[in-house]
Protein backbone atom coordinates (compact mmCIF):
# COMPACT_ATOMS: atom_id res chain seq x y z
CA UNK A 1 0.00 0.00 0.00
CA UNK A 2 1.53 3.36 -1.02
CA UNK A 3 2.30 5.83 1.75
CA UNK A 4 0.23 9.02 1.68
CA UNK A 5 1.90 12.05 0.14
CA UNK A 6 2.46 14.89 2.53
CA UNK A 7 1.18 18.27 1.29
CA UNK A 8 3.50 21.23 0.83
CA UNK A 9 3.24 24.21 3.16
CA UNK A 10 3.61 27.69 1.71
CA UNK A 11 4.30 30.33 4.37
CA UNK A 12 3.61 34.00 3.81
CA UNK A 13 5.81 36.69 5.32
CA UNK A 14 3.16 37.29 8.00
CA UNK A 15 3.08 33.61 8.97
CA UNK A 16 6.87 33.37 9.03
CA UNK A 17 7.18 36.22 11.52
CA UNK A 18 5.35 34.15 14.11
CA UNK A 19 6.51 35.23 17.56
CA UNK A 20 8.88 32.43 18.50
CA UNK A 21 11.32 35.11 19.55
CA UNK A 22 8.75 37.12 21.55
CA UNK A 23 8.29 34.39 24.18
CA UNK A 24 11.90 33.15 24.11
CA UNK A 25 13.14 31.46 26.47
CA UNK A 26 9.69 30.01 27.04
CA UNK A 27 7.65 28.10 24.49
CA UNK A 28 5.02 29.83 22.40
CA UNK A 29 1.84 28.50 20.84
CA UNK A 30 -0.65 29.76 18.29
CA UNK A 31 -3.03 29.05 15.46
CA UNK A 32 -2.26 28.95 11.73
CA UNK A 33 -4.76 30.61 9.39
CA UNK A 34 -4.80 29.91 5.71
CA UNK A 35 -6.27 27.93 2.87
CA UNK A 36 -6.27 24.21 2.17
CA UNK A 37 -5.83 23.16 -1.42
CA UNK A 38 -6.32 19.39 -1.29
CA UNK A 39 -6.30 18.93 -5.06
CA UNK A 40 -2.90 20.63 -5.27
CA UNK A 41 -1.76 18.95 -2.05
CA UNK A 42 -0.77 22.15 -0.30
CA UNK A 43 -1.56 24.58 2.49
CA UNK A 44 -1.26 28.33 1.99
CA UNK A 45 -0.56 29.69 5.47
CA UNK A 46 -1.29 33.41 5.66
CA UNK A 47 -1.09 34.18 9.37
CA UNK A 48 0.27 32.73 12.62
CA UNK A 49 -1.62 34.17 15.59
CA UNK A 50 -0.19 33.71 19.09
CA UNK A 51 -2.34 32.54 21.98
CA UNK A 52 -1.43 35.33 24.37
CA UNK A 53 -3.05 33.71 27.40
CA UNK A 54 -1.29 30.35 27.05
CA UNK A 55 0.60 29.07 30.08
CA UNK A 56 4.25 29.20 29.04
CA UNK A 57 7.18 27.30 30.50
CA UNK A 58 10.61 26.49 29.11
CA UNK A 59 9.65 22.99 28.01
CA UNK A 60 5.89 23.16 27.45
CA UNK A 61 3.03 25.46 26.65
CA UNK A 62 -0.69 24.97 27.31
CA UNK A 63 -3.52 27.00 25.80
CA UNK A 64 -6.56 28.14 27.71
CA UNK A 65 -8.88 25.93 25.63
CA UNK A 66 -11.97 28.09 26.06
CA UNK A 67 -10.12 31.22 24.98
CA UNK A 68 -8.35 29.42 22.13
CA UNK A 69 -11.67 28.11 20.76
CA UNK A 70 -13.18 31.60 21.04
CA UNK A 71 -10.25 33.14 19.14
CA UNK A 72 -10.32 30.42 16.45
CA UNK A 73 -14.05 30.96 15.83
CA UNK A 74 -13.61 34.72 15.73
CA UNK A 75 -10.72 34.54 13.27
CA UNK A 76 -12.65 32.22 10.95
CA UNK A 77 -15.70 34.53 11.13
CA UNK A 78 -13.81 37.76 10.32
CA UNK A 79 -11.53 36.38 7.59
CA UNK A 80 -11.98 34.18 4.55
CA UNK A 81 -9.36 31.86 6.04
CA UNK A 82 -9.59 28.55 7.90
CA UNK A 83 -7.71 27.27 10.91
CA UNK A 84 -5.32 24.88 9.15
CA UNK A 85 -3.28 23.93 12.18
CA UNK A 86 -1.08 25.24 14.95
CA UNK A 87 2.49 26.22 15.70
CA UNK A 88 4.68 26.07 18.76
CA UNK A 89 8.33 26.57 19.62
CA UNK A 90 11.10 24.57 21.22
CA UNK A 91 13.46 27.15 22.74
CA UNK A 92 17.14 26.63 23.51
CA UNK A 93 17.61 23.50 21.44
CA UNK A 94 20.43 23.14 18.90
CA UNK A 95 18.83 23.82 15.53
CA UNK A 96 21.29 21.59 13.64
CA UNK A 97 19.72 18.49 15.17
CA UNK A 98 16.52 17.17 13.56
CA UNK A 99 15.30 16.11 17.02
CA UNK A 100 14.92 19.78 17.95
CA UNK A 101 11.68 19.92 15.90
CA UNK A 102 10.22 16.51 16.72
CA UNK A 103 6.65 16.18 17.95
CA UNK A 104 6.47 14.95 21.50
CA UNK A 105 4.07 12.13 22.27
CA UNK A 106 2.75 13.58 25.49
CA UNK A 107 0.84 16.46 23.95
CA UNK A 108 1.88 17.42 20.42
CA UNK A 109 0.64 14.33 18.61
CA UNK A 110 -2.66 14.18 20.48
CA UNK A 111 -3.47 17.83 19.81
CA UNK A 112 -3.21 17.66 16.00
CA UNK A 113 -6.39 16.87 14.08
CA UNK A 114 -6.30 14.67 11.00
CA UNK A 115 -5.62 16.71 7.90
CA UNK A 116 -4.05 19.59 9.87
CA UNK A 117 -0.48 20.79 10.13
CA UNK A 118 1.69 21.69 13.09
CA UNK A 119 4.78 23.84 12.62
CA UNK A 120 7.47 23.33 15.24
CA UNK A 121 10.15 26.01 15.46
CA UNK A 122 13.37 25.29 17.29
CA UNK A 123 14.97 28.55 18.37
CA UNK A 124 18.34 29.05 19.96
CA UNK A 125 20.26 32.18 20.85
CA UNK A 126 23.54 30.77 19.57
CA UNK A 127 24.93 33.92 17.89
CA UNK A 128 25.61 32.02 14.64
CA UNK A 129 24.90 33.55 11.27
CA UNK A 130 23.22 31.15 8.87
CA UNK A 131 21.79 31.75 5.43
CA UNK A 132 18.18 30.63 5.13
CA UNK A 133 17.74 27.44 3.14
CA UNK A 134 15.60 24.32 2.85
CA UNK A 135 16.88 21.06 4.21
CA UNK A 136 16.49 17.88 2.15
CA UNK A 137 13.49 16.57 4.11
CA UNK A 138 11.62 19.87 3.94
CA UNK A 139 12.54 21.86 7.03
CA UNK A 140 13.64 25.48 6.82
CA UNK A 141 16.72 26.69 8.70
CA UNK A 142 18.51 30.00 9.10
CA UNK A 143 19.18 32.86 11.48
CA UNK A 144 18.16 36.35 12.39
CA UNK A 145 21.12 37.32 14.54
CA UNK A 146 21.53 36.37 17.37
CA UNK A 147 18.84 33.69 16.95
CA UNK A 148 19.00 30.54 14.86
CA UNK A 149 15.74 28.89 13.87
CA UNK A 150 14.69 25.60 12.34
CA UNK A 151 11.08 25.17 11.23
CA UNK A 152 9.48 21.80 10.51
CA UNK A 153 5.89 21.32 9.34
CA UNK A 154 4.14 18.12 10.36
CA UNK A 155 1.02 16.74 8.67
CA UNK A 156 -1.30 14.20 10.29
CA UNK A 157 -2.73 11.77 7.72
CA UNK A 158 -6.07 9.99 7.91
CA UNK A 159 -4.13 6.93 9.07
CA UNK A 160 -2.75 8.89 12.08
CA UNK A 161 0.71 8.90 10.54
CA UNK A 162 2.84 12.03 11.03
CA UNK A 163 4.80 13.14 7.99
CA UNK A 164 7.09 16.10 7.42
CA UNK A 165 5.72 18.53 4.87
CA UNK A 166 8.10 20.61 2.82
CA UNK A 167 7.98 24.29 3.80
CA UNK A 168 8.22 26.93 1.07
CA UNK A 169 8.84 30.48 2.25
CA UNK A 170 10.35 32.83 -0.36
CA UNK A 171 10.42 35.62 2.23
CA UNK A 172 12.78 33.69 4.52
CA UNK A 173 15.14 32.78 1.68
CA UNK A 174 15.69 36.49 1.03
CA UNK A 175 16.60 37.41 4.60
CA UNK A 176 20.11 38.66 5.17
CA UNK A 177 20.98 38.95 1.49
């Protein structure tokens, strides 16, 4: 049986500038707004909106579910966009290591709905300058001095399989040039 193809994720400039740095050294969490294009097997992510009232710690973040649901409904009502998934950060992890953007079993995998995406951003204040580029499996890596970031998009299939989706973000590729 062929494995399901993971859709591509196109990030706008607004979605890229998602607030992982704002909450650093604690985790951040928010909702992704955009469009699903199932026939073209892609997501067009327009905005990443932070849950300001989430409980933040260095190694986890929890939303206030009632407030998160209220915000999600509001955003869908006032825009033409859908909630296509969520994002969260993993602060102070080495961005070179793929494990820095893994989904953790305890919460991450349970919170993703089938057909949605979750973008995990590893962020580290390592004072290294990196050009932005795509990694072979689809993640995006680079720096905005003094921070290095690695972004990985995960897609949950109908079979409850988690696959990495290739991120496309022309805005990021032009940073620092």
